[in-house]
Amino acid sequence: MPKYLFEASYTAEGLKGLLKDGGSKRRKDLQEAVKELGGTLEAIYFAFGDKDVFSIVDMPDNVSATAIALAITASGAATIKTIVLLTPEEVDQATKKSVKYRAPGK
């Protein structure tokens, strides 16, 4: 199943909700939303810096990953950046594919 990294930044409204509900409730809510779309939450971490939350999820496909990212962003509580994660084996497969590519100016 494809794996995704979600980087989230809370809005002021989202931070108020976090202060009210706490981190464990956020994990539970995300876990339920991901499960509803056929995925699983592997990990969630809160962080210092310009990103507040990092989540790794397994989702059935890009459409499902996009659906959850859209729902979170549409809530107004956070903005999401979605990163598709690849296994080393997937990178091995990619290196074996022949691609004809001309760089600009070459």
C-alpha atoms as a PDB file:
ATOM      1  CA  MET A   1       0.000   0.000   0.000  1.00  0.00           C
ATOM      2  CA  PRO A   2       1.419   3.444  -0.868  1.00  0.00           C
ATOM      3  CA  LYS A   3       2.891   5.402   2.028  1.00  0.00           C
ATOM      4  CA  TYR A   4       2.553   9.159   2.516  1.00  0.00           C
ATOM      5  CA  LEU A   5       4.081  11.763   4.785  1.00  0.00           C
ATOM      6  CA  PHE A   6       1.701  14.549   5.772  1.00  0.00           C
ATOM      7  CA  GLU A   7       3.287  17.732   7.094  1.00  0.00           C
ATOM      8  CA  ALA A   8       0.717  19.921   8.822  1.00  0.00           C
ATOM      9  CA  SER A   9       0.802  23.487  10.054  1.00  0.00           C
ATOM     10  CA  TYR A  10      -1.976  24.553  12.408  1.00  0.00           C
ATOM     11  CA  THR A  11      -3.918  27.753  11.916  1.00  0.00           C
ATOM     12  CA  ALA A  12      -4.838  29.821  14.984  1.00  0.00           C
ATOM     13  CA  GLU A  13      -8.209  28.040  14.997  1.00  0.00           C
ATOM     14  CA  GLY A  14      -6.484  24.658  14.832  1.00  0.00           C
ATOM     15  CA  LEU A  15      -4.179  25.525  17.710  1.00  0.00           C
ATOM     16  CA  LYS A  16      -7.176  26.478  19.845  1.00  0.00           C
ATOM     17  CA  GLY A  17      -8.656  23.053  19.111  1.00  0.00           C
ATOM     18  CA  LEU A  18      -5.382  21.337  19.979  1.00  0.00           C
ATOM     19  CA  LEU A  19      -5.207  23.197  23.290  1.00  0.00           C
ATOM     20  CA  LYS A  20      -8.766  22.103  24.037  1.00  0.00           C
ATOM     21  CA  ASP A  21      -8.557  18.445  22.892  1.00  0.00           C
ATOM     22  CA  GLY A  22      -4.870  17.564  23.318  1.00  0.00           C
ATOM     23  CA  GLY A  23      -2.531  15.539  21.131  1.00  0.00           C
ATOM     24  CA  SER A  24      -3.945  12.073  21.851  1.00  0.00           C
ATOM     25  CA  LYS A  25      -7.398  13.136  20.652  1.00  0.00           C
ATOM     26  CA  ARG A  26      -5.864  14.509  17.426  1.00  0.00           C
ATOM     27  CA  ARG A  27      -4.154  11.149  16.860  1.00  0.00           C
ATOM     28  CA  LYS A  28      -7.410   9.271  17.450  1.00  0.00           C
ATOM     29  CA  ASP A  29      -9.358  11.539  15.087  1.00  0.00           C
ATOM     30  CA  LEU A  30      -6.758  11.245  12.320  1.00  0.00           C
ATOM     31  CA  GLN A  31      -6.570   7.493  12.802  1.00  0.00           C
ATOM     32  CA  GLU A  32     -10.347   7.197  12.359  1.00  0.00           C
ATOM     33  CA  ALA A  33     -10.404   9.411   9.256  1.00  0.00           C
ATOM     34  CA  VAL A  34      -7.569   7.458   7.630  1.00  0.00           C
ATOM     35  CA  LYS A  35      -9.230   4.134   8.481  1.00  0.00           C
ATOM     36  CA  GLU A  36     -12.519   5.314   6.961  1.00  0.00           C
ATOM     37  CA  LEU A  37     -10.671   5.714   3.635  1.00  0.00           C
ATOM     38  CA  GLY A  38      -9.121   2.240   3.849  1.00  0.00           C
ATOM     39  CA  GLY A  39      -5.751   3.326   5.228  1.00  0.00           C
ATOM     40  CA  THR A  40      -3.743   3.033   8.412  1.00  0.00           C
ATOM     41  CA  LEU A  41      -1.921   5.597  10.512  1.00  0.00           C
ATOM     42  CA  GLU A  42       1.641   4.406  11.067  1.00  0.00           C
ATOM     43  CA  ALA A  43       2.954   7.332  13.113  1.00  0.00           C
ATOM     44  CA  ILE A  44       2.141  10.857  14.207  1.00  0.00           C
ATOM     45  CA  TYR A  45       4.550  13.295  15.811  1.00  0.00           C
ATOM     46  CA  PHE A  46       4.181  16.876  16.965  1.00  0.00           C
ATOM     47  CA  ALA A  47       7.192  19.115  16.358  1.00  0.00           C
ATOM     48  CA  PHE A  48       8.788  22.495  16.880  1.00  0.00           C
ATOM     49  CA  GLY A  49       9.344  24.701  13.852  1.00  0.00           C
ATOM     50  CA  ASP A  50       7.280  25.798  10.876  1.00  0.00           C
ATOM     51  CA  LYS A  51       5.494  22.407  10.728  1.00  0.00           C
ATOM     52  CA  ASP A  52       3.454  21.361  13.744  1.00  0.00           C
ATOM     53  CA  VAL A  53       2.616  17.745  12.932  1.00  0.00           C
ATOM     54  CA  PHE A  54       4.213  14.951  10.898  1.00  0.00           C
ATOM     55  CA  SER A  55       2.107  11.887  10.077  1.00  0.00           C
ATOM     56  CA  ILE A  56       3.023   8.767   8.131  1.00  0.00           C
ATOM     57  CA  VAL A  57       0.033   6.953   6.678  1.00  0.00           C
ATOM     58  CA  ASP A  58      -0.605   4.006   4.392  1.00  0.00           C
ATOM     59  CA  MET A  59      -3.397   4.827   1.944  1.00  0.00           C
ATOM     60  CA  PRO A  60      -4.914   2.713  -0.825  1.00  0.00           C
ATOM     61  CA  ASP A  61      -4.117   5.273  -3.524  1.00  0.00           C
ATOM     62  CA  ASN A  62      -3.394   8.908  -4.391  1.00  0.00           C
ATOM     63  CA  VAL A  63      -7.105   9.706  -4.557  1.00  0.00           C
ATOM     64  CA  SER A  64      -7.636   8.627  -0.937  1.00  0.00           C
ATOM     65  CA  ALA A  65      -4.533  10.517   0.214  1.00  0.00           C
ATOM     66  CA  THR A  66      -5.777  13.615  -1.579  1.00  0.00           C
ATOM     67  CA  ALA A  67      -9.249  13.234  -0.058  1.00  0.00           C
ATOM     68  CA  ILE A  68      -7.946  13.345   3.492  1.00  0.00           C
ATOM     69  CA  ALA A  69      -5.573  16.234   2.743  1.00  0.00           C
ATOM     70  CA  LEU A  70      -8.433  18.209   1.206  1.00  0.00           C
ATOM     71  CA  ALA A  71     -10.727  17.486   4.170  1.00  0.00           C
ATOM     72  CA  ILE A  72      -8.108  18.642   6.675  1.00  0.00           C
ATOM     73  CA  THR A  73      -7.306  21.805   4.749  1.00  0.00           C
ATOM     74  CA  ALA A  74     -10.997  22.570   4.122  1.00  0.00           C
ATOM     75  CA  SER A  75     -11.633  22.385   7.875  1.00  0.00           C
ATOM     76  CA  GLY A  76      -9.599  25.580   8.256  1.00  0.00           C
ATOM     77  CA  ALA A  77      -7.676  24.057  11.183  1.00  0.00           C
ATOM     78  CA  ALA A  78      -4.468  23.253   9.297  1.00  0.00           C
ATOM     79  CA  THR A  79      -2.670  23.315   5.985  1.00  0.00           C
ATOM     80  CA  ILE A  80      -1.200  20.085   4.652  1.00  0.00           C
ATOM     81  CA  LYS A  81       1.739  19.190   2.463  1.00  0.00           C
ATOM     82  CA  THR A  82       1.569  15.637   1.109  1.00  0.00           C
ATOM     83  CA  ILE A  83       4.747  13.758   0.231  1.00  0.00           C
ATOM     84  CA  VAL A  84       4.695  10.354  -1.464  1.00  0.00           C
ATOM     85  CA  LEU A  85       7.207   8.033   0.191  1.00  0.00           C
ATOM     86  CA  LEU A  86       9.092   5.343  -1.747  1.00  0.00           C
ATOM     87  CA  THR A  87      10.726   2.188  -0.440  1.00  0.00           C
ATOM     88  CA  PRO A  88      14.346   1.398  -1.357  1.00  0.00           C
ATOM     89  CA  GLU A  89      13.008  -1.439  -3.522  1.00  0.00           C
ATOM     90  CA  GLU A  90      10.810   0.973  -5.462  1.00  0.00           C
ATOM     91  CA  VAL A  91      13.839   3.182  -6.090  1.00  0.00           C
ATOM     92  CA  ASP A  92      15.742   0.048  -7.262  1.00  0.00           C
ATOM     93  CA  GLN A  93      12.955  -0.609  -9.774  1.00  0.00           C
ATOM     94  CA  ALA A  94      13.081   3.003 -10.959  1.00  0.00           C
ATOM     95  CA  THR A  95      16.833   2.842 -11.539  1.00  0.00           C
ATOM     96  CA  LYS A  96      16.317  -0.124 -13.864  1.00  0.00           C
ATOM     97  CA  LYS A  97      13.929   1.774 -16.166  1.00  0.00           C
ATOM     98  CA  SER A  98      15.453   3.305 -19.250  1.00  0.00           C
ATOM     99  CA  VAL A  99      14.464   6.920 -19.837  1.00  0.00           C
ATOM    100  CA  LYS A 100      15.438   9.099 -22.799  1.00  0.00           C
ATOM    101  CA  TYR A 101      15.625  12.640 -21.495  1.00  0.00           C
ATOM    102  CA  ARG A 102      17.293  15.733 -22.925  1.00  0.00           C
ATOM    103  CA  ALA A 103      18.258  18.354 -20.355  1.00  0.00           C
ATOM    104  CA  PRO A 104      17.494  21.983 -21.233  1.00  0.00           C
ATOM    105  CA  GLY A 105      20.157  23.494 -23.466  1.00  0.00           C
ATOM    106  CA  LYS A 106      21.769  20.151 -24.359  1.00  0.00           C
END
